[in-house]
Amino acid sequence: MAVPKRKVSKARRDKRRSSHWKLSTPGFVKCSCGEFHLPHRVCKVCGKYDGREVLKVQA
């Protein structure tokens, strides 16, 4: 049975694990007004979704 000969240091262990725990940024899409927002969500700046006005945004 394979058993490690020496203790793996915390630095070496964490170096190996570091690439799996990184957060990825969510994909943003550009609205017709030019602002970025999450896909399938209403734009908070202009209040439009799929080209139609859904929310009344106060200026």
C-alpha atoms as a PDB file:
ATOM      1  CA  MET A   1       0.000   0.000   0.000  1.00  0.00           C
ATOM      2  CA  ALA A   2       1.369   3.417  -0.969  1.00  0.00           C
ATOM      3  CA  VAL A   3       2.063   5.665   1.996  1.00  0.00           C
ATOM      4  CA  PRO A   4       3.714   9.108   1.876  1.00  0.00           C
ATOM      5  CA  LYS A   5       7.313   9.020   3.126  1.00  0.00           C
ATOM      6  CA  ARG A   6       7.257  12.612   4.432  1.00  0.00           C
ATOM      7  CA  LYS A   7       4.716  15.139   5.594  1.00  0.00           C
ATOM      8  CA  VAL A   8       3.415  17.434   2.843  1.00  0.00           C
ATOM      9  CA  SER A   9       3.961  21.026   3.947  1.00  0.00           C
ATOM     10  CA  LYS A  10       1.035  23.448   4.140  1.00  0.00           C
ATOM     11  CA  ALA A  11       2.531  25.599   1.396  1.00  0.00           C
ATOM     12  CA  ARG A  12       2.884  22.673  -1.011  1.00  0.00           C
ATOM     13  CA  ARG A  13      -0.586  21.363  -0.154  1.00  0.00           C
ATOM     14  CA  ASP A  14      -2.229  24.780  -0.572  1.00  0.00           C
ATOM     15  CA  LYS A  15      -0.341  25.435  -3.816  1.00  0.00           C
ATOM     16  CA  ARG A  16      -1.876  22.306  -5.272  1.00  0.00           C
ATOM     17  CA  ARG A  17      -5.392  23.163  -4.094  1.00  0.00           C
ATOM     18  CA  SER A  18      -5.336  26.847  -5.022  1.00  0.00           C
ATOM     19  CA  SER A  19      -6.502  26.473  -8.608  1.00  0.00           C
ATOM     20  CA  HIS A  20      -9.718  24.657  -7.670  1.00  0.00           C
ATOM     21  CA  TRP A  21     -11.137  27.242  -5.298  1.00  0.00           C
ATOM     22  CA  LYS A  22     -10.969  30.365  -7.448  1.00  0.00           C
ATOM     23  CA  LEU A  23     -14.259  32.093  -8.133  1.00  0.00           C
ATOM     24  CA  SER A  24     -15.149  32.796 -11.727  1.00  0.00           C
ATOM     25  CA  THR A  25     -16.764  36.070 -12.737  1.00  0.00           C
ATOM     26  CA  PRO A  26     -20.344  35.871 -13.934  1.00  0.00           C
ATOM     27  CA  GLY A  27     -20.919  36.417 -17.651  1.00  0.00           C
ATOM     28  CA  PHE A  28     -22.199  39.901 -18.399  1.00  0.00           C
ATOM     29  CA  VAL A  29     -24.091  41.033 -21.491  1.00  0.00           C
ATOM     30  CA  LYS A  30     -24.360  44.529 -22.948  1.00  0.00           C
ATOM     31  CA  CYS A  31     -27.752  46.221 -22.846  1.00  0.00           C
ATOM     32  CA  SER A  32     -29.153  48.362 -25.665  1.00  0.00           C
ATOM     33  CA  CYS A  33     -28.446  51.410 -23.469  1.00  0.00           C
ATOM     34  CA  GLY A  34     -24.753  50.426 -23.340  1.00  0.00           C
ATOM     35  CA  GLU A  35     -24.589  49.221 -19.736  1.00  0.00           C
ATOM     36  CA  PHE A  36     -23.567  45.712 -18.682  1.00  0.00           C
ATOM     37  CA  HIS A  37     -25.962  43.468 -16.757  1.00  0.00           C
ATOM     38  CA  LEU A  38     -26.468  39.785 -15.960  1.00  0.00           C
ATOM     39  CA  PRO A  39     -28.126  37.756 -18.713  1.00  0.00           C
ATOM     40  CA  HIS A  40     -31.891  37.086 -18.430  1.00  0.00           C
ATOM     41  CA  ARG A  41     -32.288  39.972 -15.980  1.00  0.00           C
ATOM     42  CA  VAL A  42     -33.836  43.438 -16.305  1.00  0.00           C
ATOM     43  CA  CYS A  43     -31.326  46.261 -16.842  1.00  0.00           C
ATOM     44  CA  LYS A  44     -31.258  48.441 -13.708  1.00  0.00           C
ATOM     45  CA  VAL A  45     -30.256  51.549 -15.665  1.00  0.00           C
ATOM     46  CA  CYS A  46     -32.949  51.692 -18.359  1.00  0.00           C
ATOM     47  CA  GLY A  47     -35.467  49.119 -17.069  1.00  0.00           C
ATOM     48  CA  LYS A  48     -35.576  47.133 -20.309  1.00  0.00           C
ATOM     49  CA  TYR A  49     -35.620  43.375 -20.831  1.00  0.00           C
ATOM     50  CA  ASP A  50     -35.321  41.853 -24.317  1.00  0.00           C
ATOM     51  CA  GLY A  51     -35.834  45.284 -25.892  1.00  0.00           C
ATOM     52  CA  ARG A  52     -39.086  45.989 -24.051  1.00  0.00           C
ATOM     53  CA  GLU A  53     -39.548  48.437 -21.160  1.00  0.00           C
ATOM     54  CA  VAL A  54     -40.451  46.371 -18.097  1.00  0.00           C
ATOM     55  CA  LEU A  55     -39.642  48.762 -15.228  1.00  0.00           C
ATOM     56  CA  LYS A  56     -40.217  52.481 -14.944  1.00  0.00           C
ATOM     57  CA  VAL A  57     -36.846  53.920 -13.899  1.00  0.00           C
ATOM     58  CA  GLN A  58     -36.802  57.332 -12.254  1.00  0.00           C
ATOM     59  CA  ALA A  59     -34.126  59.709 -13.491  1.00  0.00           C
END
